[in-house]
Amino acid sequence: MVMNALESPSTRPYLIRAMYEWCTDHSFTPYVAVKVDGSVQVPREFVQGGEIVLNISFDATSSLQLGNEFIEFKARFGGKPRDIMVPIHRVMAIYARENGQGMSFPVTDSPLGQTVMGMDKLASVPSSSASSPTASEQDDQPVPPTPTRPTLTRIK
C-alpha cells in the first residue's frame, strides 16, 4: 500500500528532537518559536504578536517531553510555575540561542501536511536580548518573535 503525502507521518517531531539533541550536545540553548492559537497552552501575557519564544533547555524546564503530537513541560514565568503544552504543528522554528542555527517550519492549522522549509541559520532572529521574560529565571532574556515568519539564510 502506497501512502500519499497527506497520509504519511510528519517528520517535524523527529527534526525538532534532532535539533534539540544537537543544541544540547554542543552546549547551546534550544529555543522554539511558536505561533499561538487556542490549541497552544502558554502564559498569554507573554505572547507578542501572536507568537512566543520558549527556552526548552534542561535548566529552564521540568518534565520536558518532545512527543510526536505535543511539546510538554513545566517552567517558571515571572517566578510562577506553569504547565506548557505546544502542538507540534504550531512550532515555527527551533534554534540555538547562541548562534541562531536551527530549522523553521510552516505553521499549519492541522498536524497534516507539514514539510520542512529548511535548515541553517535563522536570519530573522536578532542576537540581542529582549525585555520579555524567559521560561527560566536563571537564563538570559529570550529573543522576541518577529511579527513575520522566520526566514532562513544559508551560511557557508
N, C-alpha and C. Protein backbone atom coordinates (compact mmCIF):
# COMPACT_ATOMS: atom_id res chain seq x y z
N MET A 1 0.84 -1.17 0.00
CA MET A 1 0.00 0.00 0.00
C MET A 1 0.89 1.24 0.00
N VAL A 2 0.60 2.19 -0.87
CA VAL A 2 1.39 3.40 -1.01
C VAL A 2 0.69 4.54 -0.28
N MET A 3 1.46 5.28 0.55
CA MET A 3 0.92 6.43 1.26
C MET A 3 1.18 7.68 0.44
N ASN A 4 0.19 8.56 0.39
CA ASN A 4 0.47 9.84 -0.24
C ASN A 4 0.97 10.80 0.83
N ALA A 5 1.35 12.02 0.44
CA ALA A 5 1.95 12.98 1.36
C ALA A 5 1.03 13.34 2.52
N LEU A 6 -0.27 13.38 2.30
CA LEU A 6 -1.20 13.74 3.37
C LEU A 6 -1.37 12.62 4.38
N GLU A 7 -1.13 11.37 3.99
CA GLU A 7 -1.30 10.25 4.90
C GLU A 7 -0.02 9.89 5.64
N SER A 8 1.12 10.30 5.14
CA SER A 8 2.38 9.91 5.76
C SER A 8 2.61 10.67 7.05
N PRO A 9 3.27 10.04 8.01
CA PRO A 9 3.54 10.71 9.28
C PRO A 9 4.46 11.91 9.08
N SER A 10 4.29 12.90 9.92
CA SER A 10 5.09 14.11 9.85
C SER A 10 6.52 13.84 10.30
N THR A 11 7.47 14.47 9.65
CA THR A 11 8.87 14.39 10.07
C THR A 11 9.19 15.47 11.09
N ARG A 12 8.29 16.45 11.27
CA ARG A 12 8.56 17.59 12.15
C ARG A 12 8.97 17.19 13.57
N PRO A 13 8.26 16.29 14.27
CA PRO A 13 8.68 15.99 15.64
C PRO A 13 10.07 15.35 15.71
N TYR A 14 10.42 14.59 14.70
CA TYR A 14 11.73 13.95 14.67
C TYR A 14 12.83 14.99 14.44
N LEU A 15 12.56 15.94 13.57
CA LEU A 15 13.53 17.00 13.30
C LEU A 15 13.68 17.93 14.50
N ILE A 16 12.59 18.19 15.20
CA ILE A 16 12.67 19.01 16.42
C ILE A 16 13.51 18.30 17.47
N ARG A 17 13.29 16.99 17.65
CA ARG A 17 14.10 16.24 18.62
C ARG A 17 15.57 16.21 18.21
N ALA A 18 15.83 16.08 16.91
CA ALA A 18 17.22 16.07 16.43
C ALA A 18 17.90 17.42 16.68
N MET A 19 17.20 18.51 16.42
CA MET A 19 17.79 19.84 16.66
C MET A 19 17.98 20.08 18.15
N TYR A 20 17.04 19.61 18.97
CA TYR A 20 17.19 19.72 20.42
C TYR A 20 18.45 18.98 20.88
N GLU A 21 18.62 17.77 20.38
CA GLU A 21 19.81 16.99 20.75
C GLU A 21 21.09 17.66 20.28
N TRP A 22 21.08 18.20 19.06
CA TRP A 22 22.25 18.90 18.53
C TRP A 22 22.59 20.10 19.42
N CYS A 23 21.57 20.86 19.82
CA CYS A 23 21.80 22.02 20.69
C CYS A 23 22.41 21.59 22.02
N THR A 24 21.83 20.59 22.65
CA THR A 24 22.32 20.17 23.95
C THR A 24 23.70 19.52 23.87
N ASP A 25 23.96 18.77 22.79
CA ASP A 25 25.28 18.16 22.62
C ASP A 25 26.39 19.20 22.49
N HIS A 26 26.05 20.38 21.97
CA HIS A 26 27.05 21.43 21.75
C HIS A 26 26.92 22.57 22.76
N SER A 27 26.23 22.31 23.86
CA SER A 27 26.04 23.28 24.95
C SER A 27 25.37 24.57 24.50
N PHE A 28 24.47 24.46 23.51
CA PHE A 28 23.68 25.60 23.08
C PHE A 28 22.33 25.55 23.79
N THR A 29 21.64 26.67 23.82
CA THR A 29 20.33 26.77 24.45
C THR A 29 19.25 26.63 23.39
N PRO A 30 18.47 25.54 23.41
CA PRO A 30 17.42 25.37 22.39
C PRO A 30 16.19 26.23 22.70
N TYR A 31 15.78 27.00 21.70
CA TYR A 31 14.57 27.81 21.78
C TYR A 31 13.60 27.34 20.71
N VAL A 32 12.31 27.40 21.01
CA VAL A 32 11.29 27.15 19.99
C VAL A 32 10.44 28.41 19.84
N ALA A 33 10.17 28.76 18.59
CA ALA A 33 9.26 29.85 18.28
C ALA A 33 7.92 29.21 17.94
N VAL A 34 6.85 29.71 18.55
CA VAL A 34 5.54 29.09 18.44
C VAL A 34 4.52 30.12 17.97
N LYS A 35 3.70 29.73 17.01
CA LYS A 35 2.56 30.53 16.57
C LYS A 35 1.39 30.15 17.47
N VAL A 36 0.93 31.09 18.28
CA VAL A 36 -0.05 30.80 19.32
C VAL A 36 -1.47 30.89 18.76
N ASP A 37 -2.27 29.89 19.09
CA ASP A 37 -3.71 29.89 18.84
C ASP A 37 -4.37 29.22 20.03
N GLY A 38 -5.63 28.89 19.93
CA GLY A 38 -6.36 28.29 21.04
C GLY A 38 -5.84 26.92 21.47
N SER A 39 -5.12 26.23 20.60
CA SER A 39 -4.61 24.90 20.94
C SER A 39 -3.30 24.93 21.72
N VAL A 40 -2.69 26.10 21.83
CA VAL A 40 -1.39 26.26 22.49
C VAL A 40 -1.62 26.69 23.93
N GLN A 41 -1.03 25.96 24.87
CA GLN A 41 -1.16 26.29 26.30
C GLN A 41 0.14 26.93 26.77
N VAL A 42 0.14 28.28 26.78
CA VAL A 42 1.28 29.07 27.26
C VAL A 42 0.71 30.26 28.03
N PRO A 43 1.55 30.92 28.85
CA PRO A 43 1.06 32.13 29.53
C PRO A 43 0.78 33.22 28.51
N ARG A 44 -0.47 33.58 28.34
CA ARG A 44 -0.88 34.53 27.30
C ARG A 44 -0.27 35.91 27.51
N GLU A 45 0.08 36.26 28.74
CA GLU A 45 0.65 37.59 28.98
C GLU A 45 2.05 37.75 28.37
N PHE A 46 2.67 36.65 27.96
CA PHE A 46 3.98 36.71 27.34
C PHE A 46 3.94 36.53 25.82
N VAL A 47 2.75 36.40 25.27
CA VAL A 47 2.58 36.27 23.82
C VAL A 47 2.66 37.65 23.20
N GLN A 48 3.48 37.79 22.17
CA GLN A 48 3.63 39.07 21.47
C GLN A 48 3.38 38.84 19.99
N GLY A 49 2.45 39.57 19.43
CA GLY A 49 2.15 39.44 18.01
C GLY A 49 1.68 38.06 17.62
N GLY A 50 1.01 37.36 18.53
CA GLY A 50 0.51 36.02 18.24
C GLY A 50 1.59 34.95 18.28
N GLU A 51 2.76 35.29 18.81
CA GLU A 51 3.88 34.35 18.87
C GLU A 51 4.54 34.39 20.24
N ILE A 52 5.23 33.32 20.56
CA ILE A 52 6.01 33.26 21.79
C ILE A 52 7.27 32.44 21.51
N VAL A 53 8.36 32.82 22.14
CA VAL A 53 9.62 32.07 22.05
C VAL A 53 9.85 31.45 23.42
N LEU A 54 10.09 30.14 23.43
CA LEU A 54 10.26 29.40 24.68
C LEU A 54 11.63 28.76 24.75
N ASN A 55 12.28 28.92 25.89
CA ASN A 55 13.53 28.26 26.18
C ASN A 55 13.19 26.85 26.64
N ILE A 56 13.62 25.84 25.88
CA ILE A 56 13.29 24.46 26.26
C ILE A 56 14.53 23.70 26.73
N SER A 57 15.52 24.44 27.23
CA SER A 57 16.72 23.77 27.73
C SER A 57 16.41 22.99 29.00
N PHE A 58 17.31 22.09 29.35
CA PHE A 58 17.17 21.28 30.55
C PHE A 58 17.06 22.17 31.79
N ASP A 59 17.87 23.24 31.84
CA ASP A 59 17.87 24.14 33.00
C ASP A 59 16.59 24.96 33.13
N ALA A 60 15.90 25.20 32.01
CA ALA A 60 14.72 26.07 32.02
C ALA A 60 13.42 25.31 32.18
N THR A 61 13.46 23.99 32.04
CA THR A 61 12.23 23.21 32.05
C THR A 61 12.29 22.08 33.05
N SER A 62 11.12 21.55 33.34
CA SER A 62 10.99 20.36 34.16
C SER A 62 10.03 19.43 33.42
N SER A 63 10.31 18.15 33.45
CA SER A 63 9.44 17.14 32.82
C SER A 63 9.23 17.39 31.32
N LEU A 64 10.29 17.79 30.63
CA LEU A 64 10.18 18.05 29.19
C LEU A 64 9.91 16.76 28.43
N GLN A 65 8.88 16.80 27.57
CA GLN A 65 8.55 15.69 26.68
C GLN A 65 8.42 16.24 25.27
N LEU A 66 9.29 15.77 24.38
CA LEU A 66 9.23 16.15 22.98
C LEU A 66 8.55 15.01 22.23
N GLY A 67 7.24 15.00 22.27
CA GLY A 67 6.47 13.91 21.69
C GLY A 67 6.18 14.13 20.21
N ASN A 68 5.48 13.18 19.62
CA ASN A 68 5.11 13.29 18.21
C ASN A 68 3.96 14.25 17.97
N GLU A 69 3.14 14.49 18.98
CA GLU A 69 1.99 15.39 18.84
C GLU A 69 2.16 16.70 19.59
N PHE A 70 2.87 16.67 20.74
CA PHE A 70 2.99 17.85 21.59
C PHE A 70 4.39 17.98 22.17
N ILE A 71 4.78 19.22 22.47
CA ILE A 71 5.91 19.51 23.33
C ILE A 71 5.28 19.92 24.66
N GLU A 72 5.64 19.21 25.72
CA GLU A 72 5.06 19.48 27.03
C GLU A 72 6.17 19.63 28.06
N PHE A 73 6.00 20.60 28.96
CA PHE A 73 6.95 20.79 30.05
C PHE A 73 6.37 21.74 31.09
N LYS A 74 7.08 21.84 32.20
CA LYS A 74 6.75 22.81 33.24
C LYS A 74 7.89 23.83 33.26
N ALA A 75 7.53 25.11 33.45
CA ALA A 75 8.55 26.16 33.51
C ALA A 75 8.03 27.29 34.39
N ARG A 76 8.94 28.15 34.81
CA ARG A 76 8.58 29.30 35.63
C ARG A 76 8.56 30.54 34.75
N PHE A 77 7.50 31.30 34.84
CA PHE A 77 7.37 32.58 34.15
C PHE A 77 7.11 33.62 35.22
N GLY A 78 8.02 34.58 35.36
CA GLY A 78 7.86 35.59 36.39
C GLY A 78 7.80 34.98 37.78
N GLY A 79 8.50 33.88 37.99
CA GLY A 79 8.53 33.20 39.28
C GLY A 79 7.36 32.28 39.53
N LYS A 80 6.42 32.23 38.61
CA LYS A 80 5.21 31.42 38.79
C LYS A 80 5.30 30.15 37.94
N PRO A 81 5.14 28.96 38.53
CA PRO A 81 5.21 27.72 37.74
C PRO A 81 4.02 27.60 36.80
N ARG A 82 4.29 27.14 35.58
CA ARG A 82 3.24 26.98 34.57
C ARG A 82 3.43 25.65 33.84
N ASP A 83 2.31 25.07 33.42
CA ASP A 83 2.32 23.90 32.55
C ASP A 83 2.22 24.40 31.12
N ILE A 84 3.13 23.97 30.27
CA ILE A 84 3.18 24.40 28.88
C ILE A 84 2.87 23.21 27.99
N MET A 85 2.04 23.43 26.99
CA MET A 85 1.74 22.39 26.01
C MET A 85 1.61 23.04 24.64
N VAL A 86 2.48 22.62 23.71
CA VAL A 86 2.50 23.18 22.37
C VAL A 86 2.31 22.06 21.36
N PRO A 87 1.24 22.11 20.57
CA PRO A 87 1.10 21.13 19.49
C PRO A 87 2.27 21.27 18.51
N ILE A 88 2.82 20.16 18.10
CA ILE A 88 3.98 20.16 17.20
C ILE A 88 3.72 21.00 15.94
N HIS A 89 2.49 20.96 15.41
CA HIS A 89 2.22 21.68 14.17
C HIS A 89 2.18 23.19 14.34
N ARG A 90 2.26 23.70 15.59
CA ARG A 90 2.30 25.15 15.85
C ARG A 90 3.73 25.66 16.05
N VAL A 91 4.72 24.77 16.02
CA VAL A 91 6.13 25.18 16.15
C VAL A 91 6.59 25.77 14.83
N MET A 92 7.02 27.04 14.89
CA MET A 92 7.52 27.73 13.69
C MET A 92 9.00 27.47 13.47
N ALA A 93 9.76 27.29 14.57
CA ALA A 93 11.20 27.09 14.45
C ALA A 93 11.77 26.54 15.73
N ILE A 94 12.90 25.87 15.61
CA ILE A 94 13.73 25.50 16.75
C ILE A 94 15.14 25.93 16.38
N TYR A 95 15.81 26.59 17.33
CA TYR A 95 17.14 27.12 17.02
C TYR A 95 17.96 27.29 18.28
N ALA A 96 19.27 27.45 18.09
CA ALA A 96 20.18 27.69 19.20
C ALA A 96 20.23 29.20 19.46
N ARG A 97 20.00 29.58 20.69
CA ARG A 97 20.02 31.00 21.05
C ARG A 97 21.37 31.64 20.74
N GLU A 98 22.44 30.90 20.96
CA GLU A 98 23.78 31.48 20.86
C GLU A 98 24.19 31.85 19.44
N ASN A 99 23.73 31.10 18.44
CA ASN A 99 24.18 31.38 17.07
C ASN A 99 23.06 31.43 16.04
N GLY A 100 21.82 31.18 16.45
CA GLY A 100 20.68 31.26 15.54
C GLY A 100 20.54 30.08 14.60
N GLN A 101 21.41 29.09 14.68
CA GLN A 101 21.29 27.94 13.79
C GLN A 101 20.10 27.09 14.21
N GLY A 102 19.34 26.65 13.21
CA GLY A 102 18.19 25.83 13.51
C GLY A 102 17.38 25.52 12.28
N MET A 103 16.12 25.24 12.49
CA MET A 103 15.20 24.90 11.41
C MET A 103 13.91 25.68 11.59
N SER A 104 13.30 26.05 10.48
CA SER A 104 11.98 26.65 10.55
C SER A 104 11.00 25.75 9.82
N PHE A 105 9.74 25.89 10.19
CA PHE A 105 8.69 25.04 9.65
C PHE A 105 7.49 25.90 9.27
N PRO A 106 6.72 25.46 8.28
CA PRO A 106 5.46 26.15 8.02
C PRO A 106 4.48 25.83 9.14
N VAL A 107 3.69 26.81 9.54
CA VAL A 107 2.70 26.58 10.57
C VAL A 107 1.39 26.21 9.88
N THR A 108 0.78 25.14 10.36
CA THR A 108 -0.47 24.68 9.77
C THR A 108 -1.56 24.68 10.83
N ASP A 109 -2.79 24.64 10.39
CA ASP A 109 -3.91 24.56 11.32
C ASP A 109 -4.16 23.14 11.79
N SER A 110 -3.58 22.17 11.08
CA SER A 110 -3.74 20.78 11.47
C SER A 110 -2.39 20.09 11.39
N PRO A 111 -2.23 18.96 12.04
CA PRO A 111 -0.96 18.26 12.04
C PRO A 111 -0.59 17.64 10.69
N LEU A 112 -1.49 17.64 9.72
CA LEU A 112 -1.18 17.05 8.42
C LEU A 112 -0.51 18.04 7.50
N GLY A 113 0.24 17.54 6.55
CA GLY A 113 0.82 18.39 5.52
C GLY A 113 1.97 19.24 5.99
N GLN A 114 2.82 18.73 6.86
CA GLN A 114 3.95 19.51 7.36
C GLN A 114 5.21 19.14 6.60
N THR A 115 5.83 20.13 6.03
CA THR A 115 7.10 19.91 5.35
C THR A 115 8.12 20.87 5.93
N VAL A 116 9.37 20.49 5.86
CA VAL A 116 10.44 21.32 6.40
C VAL A 116 10.81 22.39 5.39
N MET A 117 10.91 23.62 5.85
CA MET A 117 11.27 24.72 4.96
C MET A 117 12.78 24.76 4.75
N GLY A 118 13.56 24.41 5.73
CA GLY A 118 14.99 24.46 5.53
C GLY A 118 15.75 24.37 6.83
N MET A 119 17.05 24.39 6.69
CA MET A 119 17.92 24.31 7.85
C MET A 119 19.07 25.25 7.64
N ASP A 120 19.63 25.75 8.62
CA ASP A 120 20.80 26.61 8.67
C ASP A 120 20.58 27.68 9.71
N LYS A 121 20.90 28.90 9.39
CA LYS A 121 20.83 29.98 10.36
C LYS A 121 19.55 30.79 10.14
N LEU A 122 18.81 31.03 11.23
CA LEU A 122 17.60 31.82 11.12
C LEU A 122 17.99 33.29 10.99
N ALA A 123 17.68 33.90 9.86
CA ALA A 123 18.10 35.27 9.59
C ALA A 123 17.28 36.29 10.37
N SER A 124 16.04 35.98 10.71
CA SER A 124 15.18 36.97 11.35
C SER A 124 15.32 37.00 12.87
N VAL A 125 16.17 36.16 13.44
CA VAL A 125 16.31 36.11 14.88
C VAL A 125 17.40 37.07 15.31
N PRO A 126 17.05 38.16 16.00
CA PRO A 126 18.06 39.10 16.45
C PRO A 126 18.95 38.45 17.50
N SER A 127 20.19 38.87 17.58
CA SER A 127 21.12 38.26 18.53
C SER A 127 21.10 38.93 19.88
N SER A 128 20.46 40.09 20.01
CA SER A 128 20.42 40.78 21.28
C SER A 128 19.31 40.25 22.16
N SER A 129 19.42 40.52 23.45
CA SER A 129 18.39 40.09 24.39
C SER A 129 17.19 41.01 24.30
N ALA A 130 16.05 40.52 24.75
CA ALA A 130 14.82 41.30 24.71
C ALA A 130 14.36 41.57 26.13
N SER A 131 13.31 42.34 26.26
CA SER A 131 12.83 42.69 27.58
C SER A 131 11.74 41.76 28.09
N SER A 132 11.28 40.82 27.27
CA SER A 132 10.24 39.91 27.73
C SER A 132 10.84 38.80 28.56
N PRO A 133 10.09 38.24 29.52
CA PRO A 133 10.63 37.21 30.41
C PRO A 133 10.86 35.90 29.67
N THR A 134 11.71 35.08 30.24
CA THR A 134 12.03 33.78 29.66
C THR A 134 11.37 32.69 30.47
N ALA A 135 11.43 31.47 29.95
CA ALA A 135 10.87 30.34 30.67
C ALA A 135 11.71 29.97 31.87
N SER A 136 12.89 30.52 31.98
CA SER A 136 13.75 30.24 33.12
C SER A 136 14.25 31.54 33.72
N GLU A 137 14.14 31.67 35.01
CA GLU A 137 14.64 32.88 35.65
C GLU A 137 16.16 32.84 35.75
N GLN A 138 16.78 31.69 35.51
CA GLN A 138 18.22 31.56 35.59
C GLN A 138 18.89 31.95 34.29
N ASP A 139 18.14 32.17 33.24
CA ASP A 139 18.67 32.34 31.91
C ASP A 139 18.55 33.78 31.44
N ASP A 140 19.23 34.11 30.35
CA ASP A 140 19.08 35.42 29.73
C ASP A 140 17.68 35.56 29.18
N GLN A 141 17.33 36.77 28.79
CA GLN A 141 16.01 37.02 28.20
C GLN A 141 15.94 36.39 26.82
N PRO A 142 14.76 35.86 26.41
CA PRO A 142 14.64 35.23 25.10
C PRO A 142 14.59 36.27 23.99
N VAL A 143 14.86 35.80 22.81
CA VAL A 143 14.73 36.64 21.65
C VAL A 143 13.25 36.73 21.32
N PRO A 144 12.70 37.96 21.19
CA PRO A 144 11.27 38.04 20.92
C PRO A 144 10.94 37.57 19.52
N PRO A 145 9.75 37.03 19.33
CA PRO A 145 9.37 36.60 17.99
C PRO A 145 9.19 37.82 17.10
N THR A 146 9.49 37.65 15.84
CA THR A 146 9.29 38.73 14.90
C THR A 146 7.85 38.71 14.44
N PRO A 147 7.31 39.85 14.00
CA PRO A 147 5.92 39.86 13.57
C PRO A 147 5.70 39.02 12.31
N THR A 148 6.75 38.78 11.56
CA THR A 148 6.63 37.92 10.38
C THR A 148 7.26 36.59 10.68
N ARG A 149 7.02 35.68 9.83
CA ARG A 149 7.54 34.33 9.98
C ARG A 149 9.06 34.30 9.80
N PRO A 150 9.79 33.50 10.57
CA PRO A 150 11.24 33.44 10.42
C PRO A 150 11.62 32.98 9.01
N THR A 151 12.72 33.50 8.54
CA THR A 151 13.26 33.06 7.26
C THR A 151 14.64 32.50 7.50
N LEU A 152 15.12 31.74 6.56
CA LEU A 152 16.43 31.12 6.70
C LEU A 152 17.39 31.71 5.68
N THR A 153 18.64 31.84 6.10
CA THR A 153 19.71 32.26 5.20
C THR A 153 20.80 31.19 5.31
N ARG A 154 21.25 30.70 4.17
CA ARG A 154 22.32 29.70 4.20
C ARG A 154 23.64 30.39 4.46
N ILE A 155 24.37 29.88 5.42
CA ILE A 155 25.70 30.38 5.76
C ILE A 155 26.67 29.28 5.38
N LYS A 156 27.58 29.56 4.49
CA LYS A 156 28.54 28.53 4.05
C LYS A 156 29.91 28.78 4.59
